[in-house]
Amino acid sequence: MSDGRSAFILAGTGSGCGKTTVTLGLLSALQRRGKRVQPFKVGPDYLDTAWHTALTGVASRNLDSFMLPASTLNMLFNRQMQAADVGVIEGVMGLYDGYGINPDYCSSAALAKQLGVPVILLVDGKAVSTSLAATVMGFMHFDPALRIAGVIVNRVNSDSHYQLLKQAIERYCGIPALGYIPAVSDVALPERHLGLVTARESQIDTPCWHTFADRIEQTLNIDLLLSLTALNELPVGECPAMPAPDAGKGLTLALADDEAFNFYYPDNLQLLEEAGVRIVRFSPLHDAALPDCQMLWLGGGYPELHARALSSNTAMLDAIRQAHRRGVAIYAECGGLMYLGSTLRTADGETWPMADIIPGHSEMGKRLTRFGYCEATAQQSTLLAERGETLRGHEFHYSDFTPRCDAVMACRKTRDGKELARWAGGWQVGSAYASYLHLHFAQRPLMLERWFTAARSAL
């Protein structure tokens, strides 16, 4: 029997069908009903989870089947659902789109089956009538083992149009249509080259989203949605091998957190804190001094949009150089790599001096340099991996880094059993390690012990 919890994956027929907007509307509507919501996102995306978090005040969690073993992912989902009434999981791309052409690998459908949660299918109702039932039927029959519990129709301008669609879906597909989302323009999320503008840059207009929640309360049967997605049991998972509870005791991590650097998985920060690390946030853009620390983390973000300000804050650049000289264990991902490099050339052709800790030059391009999941095997001992160890992560960047030092990781991208590319990446200079690769530490939490060991030399 259900203990009152519900959970579902809101999946779409493809990218751009409105999943994020509808997810945010549902989160708002459910919170207004007094429900404790826990937002999630399928895959590695940082931007959608930031919008979830900004709207709800609850840290949204990534459920990534490439970086995390199934048992670990189940454990993380189970843990977050302990304090929730409703788990709302925003899907990735289309329902069956994963890594390669295997619908059972890294797709929303595969995750729904793994977690034992139903799918709510979001379909586009614009300029269509009975043909929409054929679309729904195709998604239902593609994998009979998957439970699609109901359908929500997006971009519908009238109740009469929706009634036509509802009758067709329920007559020919035999599953309930849960309502529709009216076409609205005032809740559209802004975009840029890497996807959505971050929630930090474009604060959610709470009244606007409350108005949107009002609308969908009138056009969606939320009671039926909760009934159809009752969670009878949580998936079984196991905690991976963890650092000792006091492994990081006495260590302080300075975390770059501002408009330029803000891509972090909450699970990663939680793992650090659970190991005893004290986290202090600072701004490379606005602060003149670095917190007293033995560890420093510069995450991903948009340093290219703030290159002038970052370069002009010479006090902070000097502080980070001094930290490096005294052995602070520095980890940088993607945008952090660009900041630690020698120079950064922006899209407008301007070149700006940076920290010059990892010798090399970053340059922004007009198209993705590399995108997607990949593996990186350490060719020598690094801050996070011993020689021979392989880390799984993802890259997503328009910049290219030309180093003036040797790479320490052998990277490769494989898909559907074929190797697509090999390249060298990741650079270790003294106590600093930087890479384009975004990592989820829960894949192997014991990697953090290497970081802690390096950090203790700065005490």
Protein backbone atom coordinates (compact mmCIF):
# COMPACT_ATOMS: atom_id res chain seq x y z
CA MET A 1 0.00 0.00 0.00
CA SER A 2 1.08 3.56 -0.66
CA ASP A 3 2.07 5.58 2.41
CA GLY A 4 0.74 8.74 0.78
CA ARG A 5 3.78 9.46 -1.38
CA SER A 6 3.58 10.03 -5.10
CA ALA A 7 6.33 10.20 -7.69
CA PHE A 8 6.44 10.42 -11.47
CA ILE A 9 8.63 11.34 -14.39
CA LEU A 10 7.27 14.14 -16.54
CA ALA A 11 8.54 13.03 -19.95
CA GLY A 12 8.10 14.61 -23.33
CA THR A 13 7.98 13.52 -26.94
CA GLY A 14 11.22 15.45 -27.53
CA SER A 15 13.35 18.38 -26.44
CA GLY A 16 11.65 21.77 -26.44
CA CYS A 17 8.17 20.44 -25.71
CA GLY A 18 7.83 22.47 -22.49
CA LYS A 19 8.96 19.99 -19.81
CA THR A 20 10.76 22.56 -17.66
CA THR A 21 7.95 25.11 -17.73
CA VAL A 22 5.30 22.50 -16.92
CA THR A 23 7.51 20.97 -14.20
CA LEU A 24 7.84 24.37 -12.55
CA GLY A 25 4.08 24.95 -12.77
CA LEU A 26 3.36 21.58 -11.18
CA LEU A 27 5.92 22.15 -8.42
CA SER A 28 4.33 25.50 -7.60
CA ALA A 29 0.80 24.11 -7.66
CA LEU A 30 1.72 21.16 -5.45
CA GLN A 31 3.50 23.34 -2.90
CA ARG A 32 0.48 25.59 -2.70
CA ARG A 33 -1.53 22.52 -1.73
CA GLY A 34 0.80 22.03 1.21
CA LYS A 35 2.69 19.14 -0.37
CA ARG A 36 6.35 18.62 0.39
CA VAL A 37 7.82 18.41 -3.08
CA GLN A 38 11.19 17.00 -4.06
CA PRO A 39 12.29 17.98 -7.57
CA PHE A 40 14.65 15.83 -9.65
CA LYS A 41 16.12 15.95 -13.14
CA VAL A 42 17.06 12.98 -15.34
CA GLY A 43 20.65 13.36 -16.55
CA PRO A 44 23.48 15.80 -15.86
CA ASP A 45 21.76 19.16 -16.51
CA TYR A 46 22.59 21.94 -14.01
CA LEU A 47 20.25 24.63 -15.36
CA ASP A 48 16.88 22.91 -14.99
CA THR A 49 17.67 21.86 -11.44
CA ALA A 50 18.63 25.46 -10.59
CA TRP A 51 15.19 26.65 -11.74
CA HIS A 52 13.50 23.90 -9.69
CA THR A 53 15.48 24.96 -6.63
CA ALA A 54 14.88 28.68 -7.11
CA LEU A 55 11.13 28.18 -7.34
CA THR A 56 10.63 25.67 -4.53
CA GLY A 57 13.46 26.42 -2.12
CA VAL A 58 14.23 22.68 -2.19
CA ALA A 59 17.54 21.50 -3.69
CA SER A 60 16.74 19.63 -6.89
CA ARG A 61 18.75 16.45 -7.44
CA ASN A 62 20.20 14.94 -10.62
CA LEU A 63 19.51 11.29 -11.38
CA ASP A 64 22.23 10.32 -13.83
CA SER A 65 22.44 6.72 -15.00
CA PHE A 66 25.76 7.15 -16.82
CA MET A 67 27.75 8.55 -13.92
CA LEU A 68 26.02 6.61 -11.13
CA PRO A 69 25.60 2.86 -10.67
CA ALA A 70 21.94 1.81 -10.44
CA SER A 71 22.17 0.89 -6.76
CA THR A 72 23.71 4.27 -5.88
CA LEU A 73 21.13 6.19 -7.90
CA ASN A 74 18.30 4.27 -6.22
CA MET A 75 19.79 5.04 -2.81
CA LEU A 76 20.00 8.77 -3.55
CA PHE A 77 16.39 8.83 -4.79
CA ASN A 78 15.21 6.84 -1.78
CA ARG A 79 17.01 9.17 0.64
CA GLN A 80 15.53 12.35 -0.83
CA MET A 81 12.03 10.92 -0.92
CA GLN A 82 12.06 10.17 2.82
CA ALA A 83 11.06 13.76 3.58
CA ALA A 84 8.81 14.30 0.55
CA ASP A 85 5.15 13.83 -0.30
CA VAL A 86 5.65 14.11 -4.06
CA GLY A 87 8.69 13.46 -6.21
CA VAL A 88 8.53 15.37 -9.48
CA ILE A 89 11.19 14.14 -11.92
CA GLU A 90 11.73 16.20 -15.06
CA GLY A 91 12.74 13.95 -17.93
CA VAL A 92 15.48 14.48 -20.50
CA MET A 93 14.93 14.98 -24.25
CA GLY A 94 12.21 12.61 -25.48
CA LEU A 95 10.92 9.74 -23.36
CA TYR A 96 13.03 7.05 -25.04
CA ASP A 97 16.06 9.22 -25.84
CA GLY A 98 19.15 8.17 -23.92
CA TYR A 99 22.77 7.58 -24.74
CA GLY A 100 22.89 6.18 -28.24
CA ILE A 101 19.92 4.31 -29.68
CA ASN A 102 19.35 1.97 -26.73
CA PRO A 103 16.11 3.20 -25.05
CA ASP A 104 17.03 1.27 -21.90
CA TYR A 105 20.25 3.20 -21.28
CA CYS A 106 20.25 6.67 -19.71
CA SER A 107 16.72 7.51 -20.90
CA SER A 108 13.73 8.75 -18.93
CA ALA A 109 11.94 5.51 -19.78
CA ALA A 110 14.76 3.37 -18.42
CA LEU A 111 14.91 5.38 -15.21
CA ALA A 112 11.14 5.13 -14.72
CA LYS A 113 11.38 1.34 -14.85
CA GLN A 114 14.44 1.29 -12.58
CA LEU A 115 12.81 3.46 -9.91
CA GLY A 116 9.38 1.87 -10.28
CA VAL A 117 7.64 5.18 -10.95
CA PRO A 118 5.10 5.92 -13.70
CA VAL A 119 5.49 8.33 -16.59
CA ILE A 120 3.26 11.30 -17.26
CA LEU A 121 3.62 12.02 -20.97
CA LEU A 122 3.64 15.65 -22.10
CA VAL A 123 2.49 16.07 -25.70
CA ASP A 124 2.06 19.11 -27.94
CA GLY A 125 -1.57 19.90 -28.71
CA LYS A 126 -0.97 22.74 -31.15
CA ALA A 127 -2.56 22.32 -34.59
CA VAL A 128 -3.61 18.69 -34.10
CA SER A 129 -6.71 16.68 -33.17
CA THR A 130 -7.22 12.90 -33.44
CA SER A 131 -3.69 12.39 -34.77
CA LEU A 132 -2.43 13.11 -31.26
CA ALA A 133 -3.86 9.77 -30.17
CA ALA A 134 -1.59 8.06 -32.68
CA THR A 135 1.40 9.80 -31.15
CA VAL A 136 0.41 8.69 -27.65
CA MET A 137 -0.30 5.15 -28.84
CA GLY A 138 3.13 4.93 -30.44
CA PHE A 139 4.82 5.91 -27.18
CA MET A 140 2.71 3.39 -25.27
CA HIS A 141 3.42 0.46 -27.59
CA PHE A 142 7.13 1.16 -28.10
CA ASP A 143 7.81 -0.40 -24.68
CA PRO A 144 4.85 -2.29 -23.18
CA ALA A 145 6.85 -2.79 -19.96
CA LEU A 146 6.77 0.95 -19.29
CA ARG A 147 3.81 2.38 -17.41
CA ILE A 148 2.53 5.62 -18.91
CA ALA A 149 -0.07 6.60 -16.34
CA GLY A 150 -1.54 9.64 -18.05
CA VAL A 151 -1.13 12.40 -20.59
CA ILE A 152 -0.89 16.18 -20.27
CA VAL A 153 -1.43 18.23 -23.40
CA ASN A 154 0.66 21.37 -23.78
CA ARG A 155 -0.11 24.52 -25.82
CA VAL A 156 -3.90 24.26 -25.96
CA ASN A 157 -5.81 27.51 -26.32
CA SER A 158 -9.39 26.45 -25.60
CA ASP A 159 -11.27 23.94 -23.53
CA SER A 160 -13.24 22.82 -26.58
CA HIS A 161 -10.01 21.93 -28.39
CA TYR A 162 -8.78 20.04 -25.34
CA GLN A 163 -12.02 18.08 -25.05
CA LEU A 164 -11.55 16.85 -28.61
CA LEU A 165 -8.00 15.74 -27.82
CA LYS A 166 -9.06 14.14 -24.54
CA GLN A 167 -11.78 12.09 -26.18
CA ALA A 168 -9.40 10.84 -28.87
CA ILE A 169 -6.65 9.89 -26.41
CA GLU A 170 -8.96 8.12 -23.99
CA ARG A 171 -10.97 6.32 -26.68
CA TYR A 172 -8.05 5.03 -28.75
CA CYS A 173 -5.29 4.74 -26.15
CA GLY A 174 -7.21 3.78 -23.02
CA ILE A 175 -5.27 6.04 -20.64
CA PRO A 176 -6.52 9.19 -18.96
CA ALA A 177 -5.85 12.67 -20.23
CA LEU A 178 -5.08 14.67 -17.09
CA GLY A 179 -5.70 18.11 -18.55
CA TYR A 180 -3.95 20.74 -20.57
CA ILE A 181 -1.51 23.62 -20.29
CA PRO A 182 -2.76 26.82 -21.89
CA ALA A 183 -0.40 28.66 -24.20
CA VAL A 184 1.19 31.43 -22.10
CA SER A 185 4.03 33.80 -22.91
CA ASP A 186 4.76 35.43 -19.56
CA VAL A 187 6.39 32.33 -18.02
CA ALA A 188 8.78 31.49 -20.86
CA LEU A 189 12.29 30.83 -19.59
CA PRO A 190 15.11 32.85 -21.23
CA GLU A 191 17.76 30.98 -23.23
CA ARG A 192 21.36 31.37 -24.37
CA HIS A 193 24.02 29.28 -26.09
CA LEU A 194 24.31 26.67 -23.35
CA GLY A 195 20.55 26.44 -22.88
CA LEU A 196 18.50 28.28 -20.31
CA VAL A 197 19.81 31.38 -18.59
CA THR A 198 20.61 30.47 -15.01
CA ALA A 199 17.99 30.99 -12.33
CA ARG A 200 20.51 33.16 -10.46
CA GLU A 201 20.70 35.62 -13.38
CA SER A 202 16.98 35.78 -14.10
CA GLN A 203 15.17 35.52 -10.80
CA ILE A 204 11.87 33.70 -10.99
CA ASP A 205 9.00 36.16 -10.79
CA THR A 206 7.08 34.47 -8.03
CA PRO A 207 3.73 36.22 -8.73
CA CYS A 208 4.06 35.20 -12.37
CA TRP A 209 4.53 31.56 -11.45
CA HIS A 210 1.73 31.71 -8.90
CA THR A 211 -0.54 32.99 -11.66
CA PHE A 212 0.61 30.13 -13.86
CA ALA A 213 -0.12 27.69 -11.03
CA ASP A 214 -3.60 29.22 -10.75
CA ARG A 215 -4.18 28.53 -14.42
CA ILE A 216 -3.07 24.93 -14.39
CA GLU A 217 -5.06 24.25 -11.22
CA GLN A 218 -8.07 25.04 -13.39
CA THR A 219 -6.96 23.00 -16.41
CA LEU A 220 -5.23 19.97 -14.81
CA ASN A 221 -6.78 17.27 -12.64
CA ILE A 222 -4.04 17.27 -10.01
CA ASP A 223 -5.99 14.99 -7.65
CA LEU A 224 -6.12 12.35 -10.38
CA LEU A 225 -2.45 12.89 -11.14
CA LEU A 226 -1.51 12.19 -7.52
CA SER A 227 -3.80 9.18 -7.39
CA LEU A 228 -2.34 7.64 -10.54
CA THR A 229 1.25 8.17 -9.40
CA ALA A 230 0.99 6.82 -5.85
CA LEU A 231 4.33 5.30 -4.88
CA ASN A 232 3.78 1.87 -3.37
CA GLU A 233 7.41 1.33 -2.43
CA LEU A 234 10.75 3.05 -2.78
CA PRO A 235 13.47 1.42 -4.89
CA VAL A 236 16.13 -0.55 -3.09
CA GLY A 237 19.66 0.81 -3.21
CA GLU A 238 22.92 0.61 -1.36
CA CYS A 239 25.23 3.31 -0.14
CA PRO A 240 28.58 3.16 -1.96
CA ALA A 241 31.83 2.97 -0.03
CA MET A 242 32.10 6.31 1.76
CA PRO A 243 34.90 8.31 3.35
CA ALA A 244 35.00 8.08 7.12
CA PRO A 245 32.58 10.53 8.80
CA ASP A 246 35.52 12.62 10.02
CA ALA A 247 37.74 12.21 6.92
CA GLY A 248 37.39 15.89 6.12
CA LYS A 249 37.21 17.15 9.70
CA GLY A 250 39.19 20.34 10.20
CA LEU A 251 39.23 21.17 6.48
CA THR A 252 37.56 24.25 4.98
CA LEU A 253 36.47 24.34 1.33
CA ALA A 254 36.18 27.72 -0.37
CA LEU A 255 33.39 27.33 -2.94
CA ALA A 256 33.15 29.80 -5.83
CA ASP A 257 29.50 30.77 -6.01
CA ASP A 258 28.35 33.78 -8.01
CA GLU A 259 27.07 34.75 -11.46
CA ALA A 260 30.17 33.31 -13.13
CA PHE A 261 30.51 30.01 -11.22
CA ASN A 262 27.49 28.15 -9.89
CA PHE A 263 27.22 24.67 -11.44
CA TYR A 264 27.36 22.22 -8.55
CA TYR A 265 25.47 19.03 -7.79
CA PRO A 266 23.89 19.27 -4.31
CA ASP A 267 24.78 15.62 -3.74
CA ASN A 268 28.47 16.48 -4.17
CA LEU A 269 28.29 19.25 -1.60
CA GLN A 270 26.37 16.99 0.77
CA LEU A 271 29.02 14.27 0.47
CA LEU A 272 31.72 16.77 1.38
CA GLU A 273 29.78 18.04 4.38
CA GLU A 274 28.98 14.52 5.55
CA ALA A 275 32.73 13.83 5.55
CA GLY A 276 33.21 16.78 7.92
CA VAL A 277 34.32 19.46 5.46
CA ARG A 278 33.26 23.03 6.24
CA ILE A 279 32.07 24.85 3.09
CA VAL A 280 32.42 28.63 2.82
CA ARG A 281 31.09 30.34 -0.31
CA PHE A 282 32.86 33.26 -1.95
CA SER A 283 32.68 35.27 -5.18
CA PRO A 284 35.62 35.50 -7.61
CA LEU A 285 33.69 38.36 -9.19
CA HIS A 286 32.95 40.53 -6.18
CA ASP A 287 35.21 39.54 -3.27
CA ALA A 288 38.73 40.83 -2.79
CA ALA A 289 39.91 38.08 -0.46
CA LEU A 290 39.73 34.30 -0.42
CA PRO A 291 38.33 32.63 2.72
CA ASP A 292 40.89 30.91 4.91
CA CYS A 293 40.84 27.42 3.42
CA GLN A 294 42.76 24.27 2.55
CA MET A 295 40.46 23.29 -0.36
CA LEU A 296 39.17 25.40 -3.23
CA TRP A 297 36.53 24.48 -5.80
CA LEU A 298 35.81 26.50 -8.93
CA GLY A 299 32.77 24.99 -10.61
CA GLY A 300 31.29 25.46 -14.03
CA GLY A 301 29.31 28.46 -15.16
CA TYR A 302 29.72 31.37 -17.54
CA PRO A 303 33.11 33.02 -16.90
CA GLU A 304 33.20 34.14 -20.54
CA LEU A 305 30.28 36.49 -19.86
CA HIS A 306 32.14 38.06 -16.93
CA ALA A 307 35.70 37.91 -18.25
CA ARG A 308 36.35 41.65 -17.88
CA ALA A 309 35.20 41.71 -14.24
CA LEU A 310 37.03 38.50 -13.35
CA SER A 311 40.24 39.78 -14.94
CA SER A 312 39.86 43.19 -13.29
CA ASN A 313 39.52 41.66 -9.82
CA THR A 314 43.30 41.36 -9.47
CA ALA A 315 43.09 41.07 -5.69
CA MET A 316 41.16 37.81 -6.02
CA LEU A 317 43.44 36.49 -8.76
CA ASP A 318 46.45 37.21 -6.54
CA ALA A 319 44.76 35.53 -3.57
CA ILE A 320 44.13 32.37 -5.61
CA ARG A 321 47.73 32.33 -6.87
CA GLN A 322 48.96 32.68 -3.28
CA ALA A 323 46.66 29.84 -2.20
CA HIS A 324 48.13 27.67 -4.93
CA ARG A 325 51.68 28.51 -3.84
CA ARG A 326 50.98 27.48 -0.27
CA GLY A 327 49.48 24.13 -1.36
CA VAL A 328 45.73 24.66 -1.15
CA ALA A 329 44.14 21.69 -2.99
CA ILE A 330 42.34 23.33 -5.92
CA TYR A 331 39.76 21.59 -8.10
CA ALA A 332 38.26 23.32 -11.16
CA GLU A 333 35.57 22.11 -13.57
CA CYS A 334 34.95 23.58 -17.03
CA GLY A 335 34.43 27.29 -16.35
CA GLY A 336 36.81 26.92 -13.43
CA LEU A 337 39.44 25.59 -15.84
CA MET A 338 39.01 28.69 -18.01
CA TYR A 339 39.53 30.89 -14.94
CA LEU A 340 42.67 29.05 -13.85
CA GLY A 341 44.17 29.30 -17.32
CA SER A 342 46.50 32.06 -18.46
CA THR A 343 44.16 33.96 -20.77
CA LEU A 344 40.56 33.88 -21.99
CA ARG A 345 39.44 35.15 -25.38
CA THR A 346 35.73 35.96 -25.46
CA ALA A 347 33.32 35.80 -28.39
CA ASP A 348 33.80 39.51 -29.10
CA GLY A 349 37.52 38.98 -29.71
CA GLU A 350 38.80 40.49 -26.46
CA THR A 351 41.52 38.59 -24.57
CA TRP A 352 41.67 38.82 -20.77
CA PRO A 353 44.38 37.70 -18.33
CA MET A 354 43.27 35.04 -15.87
CA ALA A 355 44.89 33.26 -12.92
CA ASP A 356 47.69 31.59 -14.93
CA ILE A 357 47.82 28.57 -12.65
CA ILE A 358 47.13 26.07 -15.45
CA PRO A 359 49.30 27.40 -18.31
CA GLY A 360 47.16 27.72 -21.41
CA HIS A 361 44.66 29.78 -23.36
CA SER A 362 40.85 29.47 -23.52
CA GLU A 363 38.94 30.69 -26.53
CA MET A 364 35.18 30.86 -27.05
CA GLY A 365 33.76 29.39 -30.25
CA LYS A 366 30.42 29.66 -31.98
CA ARG A 367 29.54 25.98 -31.74
CA LEU A 368 29.89 23.19 -29.22
CA THR A 369 33.46 21.99 -28.97
CA ARG A 370 32.47 18.85 -27.12
CA PHE A 371 29.16 17.63 -25.77
CA GLY A 372 28.05 14.52 -23.92
CA TYR A 373 29.14 11.70 -21.68
CA CYS A 374 32.71 10.50 -21.63
CA GLU A 375 35.25 8.60 -19.55
CA ALA A 376 38.64 9.80 -18.38
CA THR A 377 41.44 7.48 -17.22
CA ALA A 378 44.21 8.93 -15.08
CA GLN A 379 47.64 8.58 -16.68
CA GLN A 380 49.29 9.65 -13.44
CA SER A 381 48.18 10.32 -9.89
CA THR A 382 45.84 13.34 -9.76
CA LEU A 383 43.84 15.20 -7.15
CA LEU A 384 40.82 12.90 -7.56
CA ALA A 385 42.08 9.71 -9.18
CA GLU A 386 45.01 7.36 -8.85
CA ARG A 387 46.85 6.29 -11.96
CA GLY A 388 44.72 3.83 -13.93
CA GLU A 389 41.41 4.85 -12.34
CA THR A 390 38.59 5.87 -14.68
CA LEU A 391 36.08 8.62 -13.93
CA ARG A 392 32.74 9.04 -15.68
CA GLY A 393 31.33 12.47 -16.41
CA HIS A 394 30.08 14.81 -19.06
CA GLU A 395 31.41 17.73 -21.07
CA PHE A 396 29.37 20.62 -22.50
CA HIS A 397 31.35 23.62 -23.66
CA TYR A 398 31.75 26.11 -26.47
CA SER A 399 35.28 27.03 -25.44
CA ASP A 400 38.51 25.26 -26.31
CA PHE A 401 41.55 25.14 -24.04
CA THR A 402 45.04 25.11 -25.60
CA PRO A 403 47.41 23.99 -22.84
CA ARG A 404 51.09 24.70 -22.39
CA CYS A 405 51.53 21.69 -20.13
CA ASP A 406 50.89 17.96 -20.49
CA ALA A 407 47.44 16.49 -19.93
CA VAL A 408 47.03 13.84 -17.24
CA MET A 409 43.80 12.14 -18.36
CA ALA A 410 43.12 9.96 -21.40
CA CYS A 411 39.53 10.71 -22.40
CA ARG A 412 37.24 8.81 -24.70
CA LYS A 413 33.67 8.89 -25.91
CA THR A 414 31.88 5.66 -26.78
CA ARG A 415 28.34 5.08 -27.91
CA ASP A 416 26.43 1.93 -28.79
CA GLY A 417 29.60 -0.10 -28.28
CA LYS A 418 31.73 2.00 -30.64
CA GLU A 419 34.50 4.38 -29.75
CA LEU A 420 33.76 7.76 -31.32
CA ALA A 421 36.69 9.86 -30.13
CA ARG A 422 39.82 9.95 -28.01
CA TRP A 423 41.55 13.03 -26.64
CA ALA A 424 43.82 14.17 -23.81
CA GLY A 425 42.40 16.38 -21.07
CA GLY A 426 42.72 17.31 -17.43
CA TRP A 427 45.78 19.15 -16.13
CA GLN A 428 47.51 18.87 -12.77
CA VAL A 429 49.90 21.67 -11.80
CA GLY A 430 51.16 21.38 -8.24
CA SER A 431 48.15 21.18 -5.93
CA ALA A 432 45.69 22.30 -8.66
CA TYR A 433 43.70 19.99 -10.94
CA ALA A 434 41.43 21.33 -13.67
CA SER A 435 39.37 19.67 -16.38
CA TYR A 436 36.37 20.20 -18.64
CA LEU A 437 34.82 17.05 -17.17
CA HIS A 438 31.86 17.53 -14.80
CA LEU A 439 31.76 14.78 -12.16
CA HIS A 440 29.24 13.33 -9.74
CA PHE A 441 31.25 12.26 -6.70
CA ALA A 442 28.72 9.58 -5.69
CA GLN A 443 30.05 7.36 -8.48
CA ARG A 444 33.02 6.70 -6.17
CA PRO A 445 32.91 8.84 -3.00
CA LEU A 446 36.28 7.50 -1.85
CA MET A 447 37.88 9.71 -4.51
CA LEU A 448 37.34 12.55 -2.04
CA GLU A 449 39.91 11.04 0.33
CA ARG A 450 42.62 11.93 -2.18
CA TRP A 451 41.43 15.54 -2.15
CA PHE A 452 41.41 15.55 1.67
CA THR A 453 44.94 14.13 1.83
CA ALA A 454 46.22 16.82 -0.53
CA ALA A 455 44.39 19.50 1.43
CA ARG A 456 45.98 18.52 4.75
CA SER A 457 49.39 19.54 3.41
CA ALA A 458 48.07 23.15 3.46
CA LEU A 459 47.23 23.03 7.18
